[in-house]
Amino acid sequence: MFSSTAAPSYLLDMDGDSVLIDCGPGSFRRLQEAGVKATDINTVCLTHLHYDHCVDFACLLLSRWDQGAGRIPELDVIGPPGTAAFTEALVGEKGAFNPDLEARTLHPMSHEVYEERGGVLPRERPHSRVTEVVGGSSVARNRWRLTATEVVHAQPYITCLAYRIEASGKSIVFGGDTAPVHGFFIWQRERGW
């Protein structure tokens, strides 16, 4: 059981690229308290799809899209298998937030707010770039590289990942949730982690 403060979420700043690892309950509020705007975040990496690691993802995704007013690139989302379906279930045409998105993209009052924020009509729905990864996957971005390995946690129901992120000659590993795994440590040693 987690406390009422905040669940897992880590913000990395890599030479202007802001990457959020996990987005558990309370993380969006904590980012705001720290002065980080939703539009400041370029990428979200989800280690697994347990709610205590991803429930604030919807708030971040929608707030970033709304406040960005079509002037910033779509959110880059990296996660395990199921992340694309999860995102679609939130913001797709049959998703949980479809009525809200229809109102924000079609209603004249919403058009006025959008244009006041600097947006140009017609207003597009959010279309995040989702990259699903599995153990052994590697994803390169402009300033950093992510390598994934599967860790033991809630299989076979969901895939759980640990990430190694490398930038500027340094690296850091995020394990999400896992149990001690002997093979994981051998895997790390073989790759020089």
Protein backbone atom coordinates (compact mmCIF):
# COMPACT_ATOMS: atom_id res chain seq x y z
CA MET A 1 0.00 0.00 0.00
CA PHE A 2 1.36 3.41 -0.91
CA SER A 3 1.06 6.56 1.17
CA SER A 4 -1.22 9.46 0.37
CA THR A 5 1.72 11.65 -0.71
CA ALA A 6 2.71 10.41 -4.15
CA ALA A 7 3.50 7.20 -5.98
CA PRO A 8 6.41 6.47 -8.35
CA SER A 9 7.44 9.16 -10.79
CA TYR A 10 10.89 10.44 -11.73
CA LEU A 11 11.71 13.47 -13.88
CA LEU A 12 14.95 13.55 -15.87
CA ASP A 13 16.27 16.63 -17.62
CA MET A 14 18.74 15.68 -20.33
CA ASP A 15 19.98 18.85 -22.00
CA GLY A 16 16.46 20.23 -22.41
CA ASP A 17 14.71 16.91 -23.01
CA SER A 18 12.35 16.33 -20.06
CA VAL A 19 11.58 12.64 -19.57
CA LEU A 20 9.11 11.39 -16.96
CA ILE A 21 9.53 7.80 -15.75
CA ASP A 22 6.17 6.50 -14.52
CA CYS A 23 3.24 8.69 -13.60
CA GLY A 24 1.63 7.35 -10.43
CA PRO A 25 -1.10 8.96 -8.29
CA GLY A 26 -0.17 12.46 -7.16
CA SER A 27 2.73 12.82 -9.58
CA PHE A 28 0.98 15.40 -11.77
CA ARG A 29 0.21 17.58 -8.74
CA ARG A 30 3.79 17.21 -7.47
CA LEU A 31 5.16 18.30 -10.86
CA GLN A 32 3.00 21.42 -10.71
CA GLU A 33 4.17 22.13 -7.15
CA ALA A 34 7.77 21.89 -8.40
CA GLY A 35 7.02 24.44 -11.14
CA VAL A 36 7.07 21.88 -13.97
CA LYS A 37 4.36 22.53 -16.54
CA ALA A 38 2.77 19.70 -18.49
CA THR A 39 4.10 21.32 -21.67
CA ASP A 40 7.66 21.04 -20.32
CA ILE A 41 7.59 17.23 -20.56
CA ASN A 42 8.61 15.69 -23.89
CA THR A 43 8.49 11.97 -23.08
CA VAL A 44 6.77 9.61 -20.65
CA CYS A 45 8.23 6.14 -20.06
CA LEU A 46 5.95 3.69 -18.26
CA THR A 47 7.61 0.69 -16.60
CA HIS A 48 4.33 -1.21 -16.38
CA LEU A 49 0.60 -0.60 -16.41
CA HIS A 50 -0.31 -1.00 -12.74
CA TYR A 51 -2.36 2.05 -11.77
CA ASP A 52 0.11 3.13 -9.09
CA HIS A 53 2.62 3.72 -11.91
CA CYS A 54 0.37 5.22 -14.59
CA VAL A 55 -2.91 6.68 -13.29
CA ASP A 56 -1.77 10.33 -13.63
CA PHE A 57 -0.73 9.67 -17.25
CA ALA A 58 -4.20 10.68 -18.47
CA CYS A 59 -4.02 14.00 -16.62
CA LEU A 60 -0.55 14.76 -17.95
CA LEU A 61 -1.41 13.73 -21.51
CA LEU A 62 -4.62 15.78 -21.66
CA SER A 63 -3.23 18.84 -19.82
CA ARG A 64 -0.14 18.92 -22.04
CA TRP A 65 -2.29 18.65 -25.19
CA ASP A 66 -4.75 21.30 -23.98
CA GLN A 67 -2.15 23.81 -22.78
CA GLY A 68 0.12 23.23 -25.77
CA ALA A 69 -2.60 24.56 -28.10
CA GLY A 70 -1.18 22.72 -31.09
CA ARG A 71 2.17 24.55 -30.80
CA ILE A 72 4.25 21.73 -29.32
CA PRO A 73 5.07 18.26 -30.64
CA GLU A 74 2.85 15.39 -29.54
CA LEU A 75 3.89 13.59 -26.36
CA ASP A 76 6.40 10.76 -26.90
CA VAL A 77 5.24 7.72 -24.91
CA ILE A 78 7.38 4.62 -24.33
CA GLY A 79 6.05 1.60 -22.49
CA PRO A 80 5.47 -2.13 -22.41
CA PRO A 81 3.04 -4.02 -24.65
CA GLY A 82 -0.45 -2.67 -24.04
CA THR A 83 0.65 0.97 -23.82
CA ALA A 84 -0.83 1.85 -27.22
CA ALA A 85 -4.17 0.24 -26.34
CA PHE A 86 -4.10 1.96 -22.93
CA THR A 87 -3.54 5.36 -24.58
CA GLU A 88 -6.25 4.66 -27.18
CA ALA A 89 -8.67 3.66 -24.39
CA LEU A 90 -8.12 7.12 -22.88
CA VAL A 91 -8.10 9.47 -25.88
CA GLY A 92 -9.27 7.43 -28.87
CA GLU A 93 -12.59 8.00 -30.59
CA LYS A 94 -14.18 5.39 -28.31
CA GLY A 95 -11.98 6.28 -25.34
CA ALA A 96 -12.93 7.37 -21.86
CA PHE A 97 -12.26 11.05 -22.63
CA ASN A 98 -13.93 11.12 -26.05
CA PRO A 99 -16.85 13.37 -24.97
CA ASP A 100 -14.39 15.85 -23.43
CA LEU A 101 -12.18 15.80 -26.52
CA GLU A 102 -15.17 16.29 -28.82
CA ALA A 103 -16.23 19.32 -26.78
CA ARG A 104 -12.69 20.77 -26.81
CA THR A 105 -12.25 20.24 -30.56
CA LEU A 106 -15.77 21.04 -31.82
CA HIS A 107 -17.50 23.49 -29.45
CA PRO A 108 -17.30 27.21 -30.46
CA MET A 109 -16.48 28.31 -26.89
CA SER A 110 -13.58 25.84 -26.79
CA HIS A 111 -12.38 27.18 -30.15
CA GLU A 112 -12.16 30.68 -28.62
CA VAL A 113 -10.07 29.45 -25.69
CA TYR A 114 -7.84 27.46 -28.04
CA GLU A 115 -7.23 30.48 -30.28
CA GLU A 116 -6.56 32.71 -27.24
CA ARG A 117 -3.79 30.26 -26.29
CA GLY A 118 -2.25 30.67 -29.74
CA GLY A 119 -3.83 27.68 -31.48
CA VAL A 120 -4.93 27.69 -35.11
CA LEU A 121 -8.18 25.95 -36.08
CA PRO A 122 -9.12 23.27 -36.81
CA ARG A 123 -8.08 21.75 -33.50
CA GLU A 124 -6.70 18.23 -33.70
CA ARG A 125 -7.20 15.58 -31.03
CA PRO A 126 -4.11 14.33 -29.18
CA HIS A 127 -2.12 11.82 -31.23
CA SER A 128 0.73 10.71 -28.99
CA ARG A 129 3.63 8.81 -30.51
CA VAL A 130 3.58 5.48 -28.65
CA THR A 131 6.54 3.11 -28.82
CA GLU A 132 6.02 -0.26 -27.18
CA VAL A 133 9.15 -2.00 -25.92
CA VAL A 134 10.01 -5.42 -24.51
CA GLY A 135 13.07 -6.83 -22.82
CA GLY A 136 16.08 -6.27 -25.07
CA SER A 137 14.53 -3.30 -26.88
CA SER A 138 16.53 -0.15 -27.35
CA VAL A 139 15.08 3.24 -28.27
CA ALA A 140 17.22 6.20 -29.30
CA ARG A 141 16.13 9.81 -29.12
CA ASN A 142 18.08 12.99 -29.94
CA ARG A 143 19.93 13.31 -26.64
CA TRP A 144 19.49 9.94 -24.95
CA ARG A 145 19.00 6.18 -25.35
CA LEU A 146 16.70 3.85 -23.43
CA THR A 147 17.32 0.11 -23.09
CA ALA A 148 14.65 -2.14 -21.58
CA THR A 149 14.80 -5.45 -19.77
CA GLU A 150 11.89 -7.44 -18.42
CA VAL A 151 11.74 -7.83 -14.65
CA VAL A 152 9.67 -10.20 -12.52
CA HIS A 153 6.57 -8.61 -11.02
CA ALA A 154 3.07 -9.38 -12.39
CA GLN A 155 3.62 -11.77 -15.26
CA PRO A 156 1.83 -13.25 -17.13
CA TYR A 157 -0.82 -10.54 -16.77
CA ILE A 158 1.29 -7.51 -17.62
CA THR A 159 4.84 -6.95 -18.83
CA CYS A 160 7.05 -5.22 -16.28
CA LEU A 161 10.22 -3.46 -17.38
CA ALA A 162 13.35 -1.87 -16.00
CA TYR A 163 14.94 0.91 -18.02
CA ARG A 164 18.51 2.04 -18.40
CA ILE A 165 18.74 5.57 -19.76
CA GLU A 166 22.03 6.87 -21.11
CA ALA A 167 22.82 10.51 -21.88
CA SER A 168 25.96 12.63 -21.95
CA GLY A 169 28.18 9.67 -21.04
CA LYS A 170 26.15 8.85 -17.90
CA SER A 171 23.45 6.29 -17.17
CA ILE A 172 20.74 5.58 -14.63
CA VAL A 173 18.53 2.52 -14.12
CA PHE A 174 14.85 2.55 -13.09
CA GLY A 175 13.47 -0.79 -11.98
CA GLY A 176 9.76 -0.10 -11.67
CA ASP A 177 8.55 -2.87 -9.36
CA THR A 178 10.38 -6.17 -9.25
CA ALA A 179 11.49 -9.02 -7.06
CA PRO A 180 15.13 -10.05 -6.72
CA VAL A 181 16.07 -11.65 -10.02
CA HIS A 182 19.39 -13.45 -10.36
CA GLY A 183 19.16 -13.46 -14.15
CA PHE A 184 18.61 -9.68 -14.19
CA PHE A 185 21.94 -9.10 -12.48
CA ILE A 186 23.72 -11.42 -14.92
CA TRP A 187 22.02 -9.55 -17.79
CA GLN A 188 23.24 -6.25 -16.36
CA ARG A 189 26.81 -7.50 -15.92
CA GLU A 190 26.91 -8.89 -19.49
CA ARG A 191 25.93 -5.47 -20.84
CA GLY A 192 28.26 -3.50 -18.61
CA TRP A 193 25.52 -2.02 -16.44
